[in-house]
Amino acid sequence: MTRDQLIALAGWYKDSGNLSADPRKKIEVVDVLENVATAKLVADWGVDFMQLTKTNGEWQIVHIVWNSHPE
């Protein structure tokens, strides 16, 4: 999925009315080294695993893999 596709999907999800007034969200830092990290986000739409790198003192997401919640 490209960045533009992700933005379009997020907009569709927001406009769909499927978000609760108090959406579930939990972020867990899985591991952090000097300049790399892995995080897990559990939210209403599913679970995201993110890989991050620190460049010039700022953390940036490099990869995201996600899955809808199991039925």
C-alpha atoms as a PDB file:
ATOM      1  CA  MET A   1       0.000   0.000   0.000  1.00  0.00           C
ATOM      2  CA  THR A   2       1.395   3.369  -0.913  1.00  0.00           C
ATOM      3  CA  ARG A   3       1.328   6.389   1.378  1.00  0.00           C
ATOM      4  CA  ASP A   4      -1.458   7.951  -0.707  1.00  0.00           C
ATOM      5  CA  GLN A   5      -3.492   4.742  -0.521  1.00  0.00           C
ATOM      6  CA  LEU A   6      -3.058   4.667   3.254  1.00  0.00           C
ATOM      7  CA  ILE A   7      -4.230   8.282   3.571  1.00  0.00           C
ATOM      8  CA  ALA A   8      -7.267   7.526   1.384  1.00  0.00           C
ATOM      9  CA  LEU A   9      -8.098   4.432   3.436  1.00  0.00           C
ATOM     10  CA  ALA A  10      -7.803   6.369   6.708  1.00  0.00           C
ATOM     11  CA  GLY A  11     -10.112   9.057   5.327  1.00  0.00           C
ATOM     12  CA  TRP A  12     -12.652   6.448   4.211  1.00  0.00           C
ATOM     13  CA  TYR A  13     -12.534   4.748   7.605  1.00  0.00           C
ATOM     14  CA  LYS A  14     -13.011   8.059   9.413  1.00  0.00           C
ATOM     15  CA  ASP A  15     -15.947   9.027   7.178  1.00  0.00           C
ATOM     16  CA  SER A  16     -17.571   5.570   7.393  1.00  0.00           C
ATOM     17  CA  GLY A  17     -18.835   6.140  10.930  1.00  0.00           C
ATOM     18  CA  ASN A  18     -17.135   2.941  12.139  1.00  0.00           C
ATOM     19  CA  LEU A  19     -15.011   4.742  14.736  1.00  0.00           C
ATOM     20  CA  SER A  20     -16.359   4.659  18.259  1.00  0.00           C
ATOM     21  CA  ALA A  21     -16.423   7.784  20.414  1.00  0.00           C
ATOM     22  CA  ASP A  22     -13.586   6.291  22.468  1.00  0.00           C
ATOM     23  CA  PRO A  23     -11.625   4.093  20.050  1.00  0.00           C
ATOM     24  CA  ARG A  24      -9.425   1.314  21.383  1.00  0.00           C
ATOM     25  CA  LYS A  25      -5.743   2.059  21.069  1.00  0.00           C
ATOM     26  CA  LYS A  26      -2.748   0.591  22.846  1.00  0.00           C
ATOM     27  CA  ILE A  27       0.879   1.098  21.860  1.00  0.00           C
ATOM     28  CA  GLU A  28       3.553  -1.287  23.070  1.00  0.00           C
ATOM     29  CA  VAL A  29       7.247  -0.661  22.537  1.00  0.00           C
ATOM     30  CA  VAL A  30       8.538  -4.116  21.638  1.00  0.00           C
ATOM     31  CA  ASP A  31      12.253  -3.318  21.492  1.00  0.00           C
ATOM     32  CA  VAL A  32      14.545  -0.296  21.189  1.00  0.00           C
ATOM     33  CA  LEU A  33      18.201  -0.229  20.284  1.00  0.00           C
ATOM     34  CA  GLU A  34      20.349   2.798  19.604  1.00  0.00           C
ATOM     35  CA  ASN A  35      18.821   3.791  16.252  1.00  0.00           C
ATOM     36  CA  VAL A  36      16.132   1.166  15.558  1.00  0.00           C
ATOM     37  CA  ALA A  37      12.906   0.176  17.283  1.00  0.00           C
ATOM     38  CA  THR A  38       9.833  -2.011  16.887  1.00  0.00           C
ATOM     39  CA  ALA A  39       6.379  -1.058  18.159  1.00  0.00           C
ATOM     40  CA  LYS A  40       2.949  -2.700  18.207  1.00  0.00           C
ATOM     41  CA  LEU A  41      -0.304  -0.759  17.935  1.00  0.00           C
ATOM     42  CA  VAL A  42      -3.617  -2.423  18.785  1.00  0.00           C
ATOM     43  CA  ALA A  43      -6.548  -0.310  17.586  1.00  0.00           C
ATOM     44  CA  ASP A  44     -10.189  -0.680  16.543  1.00  0.00           C
ATOM     45  CA  TRP A  45      -9.263  -1.567  12.961  1.00  0.00           C
ATOM     46  CA  GLY A  46      -6.620  -4.182  13.787  1.00  0.00           C
ATOM     47  CA  VAL A  47      -2.992  -4.632  14.821  1.00  0.00           C
ATOM     48  CA  ASP A  48      -0.010  -2.780  13.317  1.00  0.00           C
ATOM     49  CA  PHE A  49       3.639  -3.721  13.770  1.00  0.00           C
ATOM     50  CA  MET A  50       6.009  -0.850  12.973  1.00  0.00           C
ATOM     51  CA  GLN A  51       9.737  -0.672  12.423  1.00  0.00           C
ATOM     52  CA  LEU A  52      11.315   2.691  13.142  1.00  0.00           C
ATOM     53  CA  THR A  53      14.722   4.273  12.637  1.00  0.00           C
ATOM     54  CA  LYS A  54      16.265   7.303  14.273  1.00  0.00           C
ATOM     55  CA  THR A  55      17.766   9.726  11.778  1.00  0.00           C
ATOM     56  CA  ASN A  56      19.223  13.077  12.818  1.00  0.00           C
ATOM     57  CA  GLY A  57      17.683  12.621  16.265  1.00  0.00           C
ATOM     58  CA  GLU A  58      14.122  11.992  14.976  1.00  0.00           C
ATOM     59  CA  TRP A  59      12.215   8.712  14.940  1.00  0.00           C
ATOM     60  CA  GLN A  60      10.579   7.805  11.627  1.00  0.00           C
ATOM     61  CA  ILE A  61       8.408   4.844  10.705  1.00  0.00           C
ATOM     62  CA  VAL A  62      10.074   2.799   7.978  1.00  0.00           C
ATOM     63  CA  HIS A  63       7.730  -0.193   7.645  1.00  0.00           C
ATOM     64  CA  ILE A  64       4.249  -1.100   8.822  1.00  0.00           C
ATOM     65  CA  VAL A  65       2.622  -4.500   8.566  1.00  0.00           C
ATOM     66  CA  TRP A  66      -0.930  -4.899   9.779  1.00  0.00           C
ATOM     67  CA  ASN A  67      -3.740  -7.348  10.122  1.00  0.00           C
ATOM     68  CA  SER A  68      -7.429  -7.006  10.926  1.00  0.00           C
ATOM     69  CA  HIS A  69      -8.517  -8.503  14.216  1.00  0.00           C
ATOM     70  CA  PRO A  70      -9.133 -12.266  13.981  1.00  0.00           C
ATOM     71  CA  GLU A  71     -12.811 -13.187  13.894  1.00  0.00           C
END
